[in-house]
PDB file of N, CA and C in Angstrom:
ATOM      1  N   UNK A   1     -20.803  12.027   6.448  1.00  0.00           N
ATOM      2  CA  UNK A   1     -19.525  11.320   6.286  1.00  0.00           C
ATOM      3  C   UNK A   1     -19.807   9.878   5.899  1.00  0.00           C
ATOM      4  N   UNK A   2     -19.164   9.423   4.840  1.00  0.00           N
ATOM      5  CA  UNK A   2     -19.298   8.039   4.411  1.00  0.00           C
ATOM      6  C   UNK A   2     -18.262   7.177   5.110  1.00  0.00           C
ATOM      7  N   UNK A   3     -18.628   5.945   5.347  1.00  0.00           N
ATOM      8  CA  UNK A   3     -17.689   4.994   5.941  1.00  0.00           C
ATOM      9  C   UNK A   3     -17.338   3.975   4.873  1.00  0.00           C
ATOM     10  N   UNK A   4     -16.046   3.761   4.596  1.00  0.00           N
ATOM     11  CA  UNK A   4     -15.655   2.794   3.576  1.00  0.00           C
ATOM     12  C   UNK A   4     -16.159   1.393   3.930  1.00  0.00           C
ATOM     13  N   UNK A   5     -16.475   0.656   2.899  1.00  0.00           N
ATOM     14  CA  UNK A   5     -16.994  -0.693   3.122  1.00  0.00           C
ATOM     15  C   UNK A   5     -15.899  -1.611   3.671  1.00  0.00           C
ATOM     16  N   UNK A   6     -16.311  -2.627   4.407  1.00  0.00           N
ATOM     17  CA  UNK A   6     -15.328  -3.598   4.919  1.00  0.00           C
ATOM     18  C   UNK A   6     -14.566  -4.282   3.777  1.00  0.00           C
ATOM     19  N   UNK A   7     -15.220  -4.368   2.619  1.00  0.00           N
ATOM     20  CA  UNK A   7     -14.555  -4.957   1.450  1.00  0.00           C
ATOM     21  C   UNK A   7     -13.296  -4.172   1.103  1.00  0.00           C
ATOM     22  N   UNK A   8     -13.391  -2.838   1.078  1.00  0.00           N
ATOM     23  CA  UNK A   8     -12.221  -2.019   0.753  1.00  0.00           C
ATOM     24  C   UNK A   8     -11.170  -2.097   1.851  1.00  0.00           C
ATOM     25  N   UNK A   9     -11.613  -2.162   3.084  1.00  0.00           N
ATOM     26  CA  UNK A   9     -10.653  -2.263   4.190  1.00  0.00           C
ATOM     27  C   UNK A   9      -9.819  -3.528   4.061  1.00  0.00           C
ATOM     28  N   UNK A  10     -10.469  -4.640   3.746  1.00  0.00           N
ATOM     29  CA  UNK A  10      -9.724  -5.895   3.618  1.00  0.00           C
ATOM     30  C   UNK A  10      -8.847  -5.891   2.373  1.00  0.00           C
ATOM     31  N   UNK A  11      -9.301  -5.261   1.282  1.00  0.00           N
ATOM     32  CA  UNK A  11      -8.474  -5.168   0.063  1.00  0.00           C
ATOM     33  C   UNK A  11      -7.206  -4.370   0.332  1.00  0.00           C
ATOM     34  N   UNK A  12      -7.369  -3.242   1.021  1.00  0.00           N
ATOM     35  CA  UNK A  12      -6.225  -2.372   1.309  1.00  0.00           C
ATOM     36  C   UNK A  12      -5.248  -3.080   2.244  1.00  0.00           C
ATOM     37  N   UNK A  13      -5.758  -3.763   3.241  1.00  0.00           N
ATOM     38  CA  UNK A  13      -4.896  -4.487   4.171  1.00  0.00           C
ATOM     39  C   UNK A  13      -4.127  -5.593   3.451  1.00  0.00           C
ATOM     40  N   UNK A  14      -4.790  -6.301   2.550  1.00  0.00           N
ATOM     41  CA  UNK A  14      -4.120  -7.344   1.776  1.00  0.00           C
ATOM     42  C   UNK A  14      -3.029  -6.739   0.889  1.00  0.00           C
ATOM     43  N   UNK A  15      -3.320  -5.616   0.252  1.00  0.00           N
ATOM     44  CA  UNK A  15      -2.320  -4.944  -0.587  1.00  0.00           C
ATOM     45  C   UNK A  15      -1.112  -4.543   0.248  1.00  0.00           C
ATOM     46  N   UNK A  16      -1.356  -3.984   1.428  1.00  0.00           N
ATOM     47  CA  UNK A  16      -0.275  -3.582   2.336  1.00  0.00           C
ATOM     48  C   UNK A  16       0.608  -4.772   2.678  1.00  0.00           C
ATOM     49  N   UNK A  17      -0.018  -5.886   3.031  1.00  0.00           N
ATOM     50  CA  UNK A  17       0.747  -7.088   3.373  1.00  0.00           C
ATOM     51  C   UNK A  17       1.531  -7.628   2.182  1.00  0.00           C
ATOM     52  N   UNK A  18       0.931  -7.585   0.988  1.00  0.00           N
ATOM     53  CA  UNK A  18       1.623  -8.077  -0.208  1.00  0.00           C
ATOM     54  C   UNK A  18       2.840  -7.214  -0.533  1.00  0.00           C
ATOM     55  N   UNK A  19       2.695  -5.900  -0.395  1.00  0.00           N
ATOM     56  CA  UNK A  19       3.829  -5.004  -0.660  1.00  0.00           C
ATOM     57  C   UNK A  19       4.955  -5.283   0.327  1.00  0.00           C
ATOM     58  N   UNK A  20       4.618  -5.424   1.614  1.00  0.00           N
ATOM     59  CA  UNK A  20       5.656  -5.708   2.609  1.00  0.00           C
ATOM     60  C   UNK A  20       6.314  -7.060   2.347  1.00  0.00           C
ATOM     61  N   UNK A  21       5.536  -8.043   1.974  1.00  0.00           N
ATOM     62  CA  UNK A  21       6.095  -9.372   1.694  1.00  0.00           C
ATOM     63  C   UNK A  21       7.050  -9.320   0.505  1.00  0.00           C
ATOM     64  N   UNK A  22       6.640  -8.638  -0.563  1.00  0.00           N
ATOM     65  CA  UNK A  22       7.506  -8.528  -1.730  1.00  0.00           C
ATOM     66  C   UNK A  22       8.751  -7.706  -1.393  1.00  0.00           C
ATOM     67  N   UNK A  23       8.619  -6.760  -0.480  1.00  0.00           N
ATOM     68  CA  UNK A  23       9.755  -5.924  -0.087  1.00  0.00           C
ATOM     69  C   UNK A  23      10.857  -6.685   0.625  1.00  0.00           C
ATOM     70  N   UNK A  24      10.535  -7.842   1.171  1.00  0.00           N
ATOM     71  CA  UNK A  24      11.558  -8.632   1.861  1.00  0.00           C
ATOM     72  C   UNK A  24      12.641  -9.124   0.909  1.00  0.00           C
ATOM     73  N   UNK A  25      12.355  -9.130  -0.389  1.00  0.00           N
ATOM     74  CA  UNK A  25      13.345  -9.605  -1.359  1.00  0.00           C
ATOM     75  C   UNK A  25      14.206  -8.470  -1.917  1.00  0.00           C
ATOM     76  N   UNK A  26      14.074  -7.265  -1.369  1.00  0.00           N
ATOM     77  CA  UNK A  26      14.877  -6.144  -1.853  1.00  0.00           C
ATOM     78  C   UNK A  26      16.359  -6.393  -1.599  1.00  0.00           C
ATOM     79  N   UNK A  27      17.162  -6.025  -2.565  1.00  0.00           N
ATOM     80  CA  UNK A  27      18.604  -6.236  -2.451  1.00  0.00           C
ATOM     81  C   UNK A  27      19.349  -4.942  -2.163  1.00  0.00           C
ATOM     82  N   UNK A  28      18.868  -3.833  -2.725  1.00  0.00           N
ATOM     83  CA  UNK A  28      19.621  -2.591  -2.652  1.00  0.00           C
ATOM     84  C   UNK A  28      18.970  -1.539  -1.761  1.00  0.00           C
ATOM     85  N   UNK A  29      17.918  -1.909  -1.076  1.00  0.00           N
ATOM     86  CA  UNK A  29      17.222  -0.994  -0.176  1.00  0.00           C
ATOM     87  C   UNK A  29      17.072  -1.667   1.177  1.00  0.00           C
ATOM     88  N   UNK A  30      17.330  -0.924   2.232  1.00  0.00           N
ATOM     89  CA  UNK A  30      17.181  -1.443   3.589  1.00  0.00           C
ATOM     90  C   UNK A  30      15.708  -1.750   3.852  1.00  0.00           C
ATOM     91  N   UNK A  31      15.404  -2.967   4.269  1.00  0.00           N
ATOM     92  CA  UNK A  31      14.018  -3.382   4.465  1.00  0.00           C
ATOM     93  C   UNK A  31      13.326  -2.563   5.548  1.00  0.00           C
ATOM     94  N   UNK A  32      14.015  -2.230   6.638  1.00  0.00           N
ATOM     95  CA  UNK A  32      13.390  -1.442   7.700  1.00  0.00           C
ATOM     96  C   UNK A  32      12.989  -0.054   7.199  1.00  0.00           C
ATOM     97  N   UNK A  33      13.845   0.560   6.404  1.00  0.00           N
ATOM     98  CA  UNK A  33      13.514   1.850   5.800  1.00  0.00           C
ATOM     99  C   UNK A  33      12.310   1.703   4.875  1.00  0.00           C
ATOM    100  N   UNK A  34      12.318   0.665   4.045  1.00  0.00           N
ATOM    101  CA  UNK A  34      11.218   0.404   3.121  1.00  0.00           C
ATOM    102  C   UNK A  34       9.912   0.218   3.894  1.00  0.00           C
ATOM    103  N   UNK A  35       9.940  -0.590   4.944  1.00  0.00           N
ATOM    104  CA  UNK A  35       8.744  -0.881   5.743  1.00  0.00           C
ATOM    105  C   UNK A  35       8.189   0.391   6.382  1.00  0.00           C
ATOM    106  N   UNK A  36       9.083   1.216   6.942  1.00  0.00           N
ATOM    107  CA  UNK A  36       8.631   2.467   7.558  1.00  0.00           C
ATOM    108  C   UNK A  36       7.993   3.401   6.539  1.00  0.00           C
ATOM    109  N   UNK A  37       8.593   3.466   5.361  1.00  0.00           N
ATOM    110  CA  UNK A  37       8.071   4.333   4.309  1.00  0.00           C
ATOM    111  C   UNK A  37       6.697   3.873   3.842  1.00  0.00           C
ATOM    112  N   UNK A  38       6.540   2.580   3.613  1.00  0.00           N
ATOM    113  CA  UNK A  38       5.247   2.039   3.186  1.00  0.00           C
ATOM    114  C   UNK A  38       4.209   2.259   4.270  1.00  0.00           C
ATOM    115  N   UNK A  39       4.570   2.006   5.499  1.00  0.00           N
ATOM    116  CA  UNK A  39       3.622   2.198   6.608  1.00  0.00           C
ATOM    117  C   UNK A  39       3.168   3.655   6.693  1.00  0.00           C
ATOM    118  N   UNK A  40       4.113   4.570   6.564  1.00  0.00           N
ATOM    119  CA  UNK A  40       3.785   5.998   6.618  1.00  0.00           C
ATOM    120  C   UNK A  40       2.806   6.376   5.500  1.00  0.00           C
ATOM    121  N   UNK A  41       3.046   5.852   4.290  1.00  0.00           N
ATOM    122  CA  UNK A  41       2.157   6.148   3.167  1.00  0.00           C
ATOM    123  C   UNK A  41       0.740   5.637   3.425  1.00  0.00           C
ATOM    124  N   UNK A  42       0.628   4.434   3.956  1.00  0.00           N
ATOM    125  CA  UNK A  42      -0.693   3.875   4.234  1.00  0.00           C
ATOM    126  C   UNK A  42      -1.363   4.611   5.389  1.00  0.00           C
ATOM    127  N   UNK A  43      -0.601   4.969   6.405  1.00  0.00           N
ATOM    128  CA  UNK A  43      -1.188   5.668   7.552  1.00  0.00           C
ATOM    129  C   UNK A  43      -1.679   7.068   7.192  1.00  0.00           C
ATOM    130  N   UNK A  44      -1.028   7.710   6.232  1.00  0.00           N
ATOM    131  CA  UNK A  44      -1.471   9.037   5.808  1.00  0.00           C
ATOM    132  C   UNK A  44      -2.874   8.988   5.208  1.00  0.00           C
ATOM    133  N   UNK A  45      -3.245   7.855   4.654  1.00  0.00           N
ATOM    134  CA  UNK A  45      -4.557   7.710   4.019  1.00  0.00           C
ATOM    135  C   UNK A  45      -5.551   6.948   4.899  1.00  0.00           C
ATOM    136  N   UNK A  46      -5.169   6.610   6.100  1.00  0.00           N
ATOM    137  CA  UNK A  46      -5.987   5.770   6.983  1.00  0.00           C
ATOM    138  C   UNK A  46      -7.404   6.306   7.197  1.00  0.00           C
ATOM    139  N   UNK A  47      -7.559   7.586   7.355  1.00  0.00           N
ATOM    140  CA  UNK A  47      -8.859   8.170   7.684  1.00  0.00           C
ATOM    141  C   UNK A  47      -9.657   8.607   6.458  1.00  0.00           C
ATOM    142  N   UNK A  48      -9.176   8.266   5.277  1.00  0.00           N
ATOM    143  CA  UNK A  48      -9.882   8.638   4.047  1.00  0.00           C
ATOM    144  C   UNK A  48     -11.227   7.911   3.985  1.00  0.00           C
ATOM    145  N   UNK A  49     -12.285   8.647   3.625  1.00  0.00           N
ATOM    146  CA  UNK A  49     -13.617   8.048   3.558  1.00  0.00           C
ATOM    147  C   UNK A  49     -14.225   8.113   2.156  1.00  0.00           C
ATOM    148  N   UNK A  50     -13.665   8.920   1.283  1.00  0.00           N
ATOM    149  CA  UNK A  50     -14.186   9.032  -0.076  1.00  0.00           C
ATOM    150  C   UNK A  50     -13.765   7.812  -0.887  1.00  0.00           C
ATOM    151  N   UNK A  51     -14.735   7.065  -1.361  1.00  0.00           N
ATOM    152  CA  UNK A  51     -14.460   5.835  -2.111  1.00  0.00           C
ATOM    153  C   UNK A  51     -13.614   6.118  -3.349  1.00  0.00           C
ATOM    154  N   UNK A  52     -13.865   7.234  -4.020  1.00  0.00           N
ATOM    155  CA  UNK A  52     -13.091   7.577  -5.225  1.00  0.00           C
ATOM    156  C   UNK A  52     -11.601   7.706  -4.892  1.00  0.00           C
ATOM    157  N   UNK A  53     -11.296   8.383  -3.808  1.00  0.00           N
ATOM    158  CA  UNK A  53      -9.899   8.582  -3.396  1.00  0.00           C
ATOM    159  C   UNK A  53      -9.292   7.247  -2.959  1.00  0.00           C
ATOM    160  N   UNK A  54     -10.057   6.450  -2.236  1.00  0.00           N
ATOM    161  CA  UNK A  54      -9.572   5.142  -1.799  1.00  0.00           C
ATOM    162  C   UNK A  54      -9.230   4.277  -3.010  1.00  0.00           C
ATOM    163  N   UNK A  55     -10.100   4.284  -4.013  1.00  0.00           N
ATOM    164  CA  UNK A  55      -9.846   3.498  -5.232  1.00  0.00           C
ATOM    165  C   UNK A  55      -8.588   3.986  -5.946  1.00  0.00           C
ATOM    166  N   UNK A  56      -8.420   5.308  -6.047  1.00  0.00           N
ATOM    167  CA  UNK A  56      -7.230   5.865  -6.710  1.00  0.00           C
ATOM    168  C   UNK A  56      -5.958   5.448  -5.978  1.00  0.00           C
ATOM    169  N   UNK A  57      -5.959   5.574  -4.663  1.00  0.00           N
ATOM    170  CA  UNK A  57      -4.785   5.205  -3.884  1.00  0.00           C
ATOM    171  C   UNK A  57      -4.518   3.703  -3.963  1.00  0.00           C
ATOM    172  N   UNK A  58      -5.587   2.914  -3.964  1.00  0.00           N
ATOM    173  CA  UNK A  58      -5.441   1.466  -4.092  1.00  0.00           C
ATOM    174  C   UNK A  58      -4.786   1.122  -5.429  1.00  0.00           C
ATOM    175  N   UNK A  59      -5.239   1.767  -6.498  1.00  0.00           N
ATOM    176  CA  UNK A  59      -4.670   1.511  -7.823  1.00  0.00           C
ATOM    177  C   UNK A  59      -3.192   1.906  -7.874  1.00  0.00           C
ATOM    178  N   UNK A  60      -2.823   2.999  -7.225  1.00  0.00           N
ATOM    179  CA  UNK A  60      -1.408   3.398  -7.168  1.00  0.00           C
ATOM    180  C   UNK A  60      -0.579   2.320  -6.462  1.00  0.00           C
ATOM    181  N   UNK A  61      -1.101   1.820  -5.341  1.00  0.00           N
ATOM    182  CA  UNK A  61      -0.399   0.772  -4.603  1.00  0.00           C
ATOM    183  C   UNK A  61      -0.315  -0.522  -5.391  1.00  0.00           C
ATOM    184  N   UNK A  62      -1.408  -0.874  -6.089  1.00  0.00           N
ATOM    185  CA  UNK A  62      -1.415  -2.097  -6.899  1.00  0.00           C
ATOM    186  C   UNK A  62      -0.421  -1.978  -8.049  1.00  0.00           C
ATOM    187  N   UNK A  63      -0.337  -0.792  -8.646  1.00  0.00           N
ATOM    188  CA  UNK A  63       0.635  -0.584  -9.728  1.00  0.00           C
ATOM    189  C   UNK A  63       2.060  -0.698  -9.191  1.00  0.00           C
ATOM    190  N   UNK A  64       2.298  -0.139  -8.023  1.00  0.00           N
ATOM    191  CA  UNK A  64       3.609  -0.232  -7.378  1.00  0.00           C
ATOM    192  C   UNK A  64       3.988  -1.697  -7.168  1.00  0.00           C
ATOM    193  N   UNK A  65       3.019  -2.501  -6.730  1.00  0.00           N
ATOM    194  CA  UNK A  65       3.263  -3.929  -6.515  1.00  0.00           C
ATOM    195  C   UNK A  65       3.518  -4.648  -7.835  1.00  0.00           C
ATOM    196  N   UNK A  66       2.688  -4.370  -8.851  1.00  0.00           N
ATOM    197  CA  UNK A  66       2.849  -5.019 -10.167  1.00  0.00           C
ATOM    198  C   UNK A  66       4.169  -4.649 -10.839  1.00  0.00           C
ATOM    199  N   UNK A  67       4.647  -3.442 -10.566  1.00  0.00           N
ATOM    200  CA  UNK A  67       5.884  -2.983 -11.207  1.00  0.00           C
ATOM    201  C   UNK A  67       7.109  -3.396 -10.403  1.00  0.00           C
ATOM    202  N   UNK A  68       6.930  -4.428  -9.570  1.00  0.00           N
ATOM    203  CA  UNK A  68       8.021  -4.938  -8.726  1.00  0.00           C
ATOM    204  C   UNK A  68       8.602  -3.839  -7.864  1.00  0.00           C
ATOM    205  N   UNK A  69       7.682  -3.164  -7.172  1.00  0.00           N
ATOM    206  CA  UNK A  69       8.017  -2.105  -6.218  1.00  0.00           C
ATOM    207  C   UNK A  69       8.713  -0.930  -6.895  1.00  0.00           C
ATOM    208  N   UNK A  70       8.219  -0.580  -8.057  1.00  0.00           N
ATOM    209  CA  UNK A  70       8.750   0.580  -8.776  1.00  0.00           C
ATOM    210  C   UNK A  70      10.154   0.361  -9.302  1.00  0.00           C
ATOM    211  N   UNK A  71      10.527  -0.887  -9.511  1.00  0.00           N
ATOM    212  CA  UNK A  71      11.843  -1.193 -10.042  1.00  0.00           C
ATOM    213  C   UNK A  71      12.928  -1.273  -8.989  1.00  0.00           C
ATOM    214  N   UNK A  72      12.548  -1.335  -7.728  1.00  0.00           N
ATOM    215  CA  UNK A  72      13.539  -1.397  -6.656  1.00  0.00           C
ATOM    216  C   UNK A  72      14.212  -2.755  -6.569  1.00  0.00           C
ATOM    217  N   UNK A  73      13.598  -3.773  -7.143  1.00  0.00           N
ATOM    218  CA  UNK A  73      14.183  -5.114  -7.010  1.00  0.00           C
ATOM    219  C   UNK A  73      15.211  -5.365  -8.064  1.00  0.00           C
TER     220      UNK A  73
END
């Protein structure tokens, strides 16, 4: 079993915080619902150890952030 590097752990945590911070500006979506949904998505991948999968999921989250939360704003 591989253990993800601390570098990836800190990157993922920063991405999570950035998504939640940007979510505070949502106008048409309840922030508590948004926060719970994002948390659930991140927690589902919490125990992932394959770097390839971690990178793919990170890129999906980064794209979601770059696209202004998938157009929710």
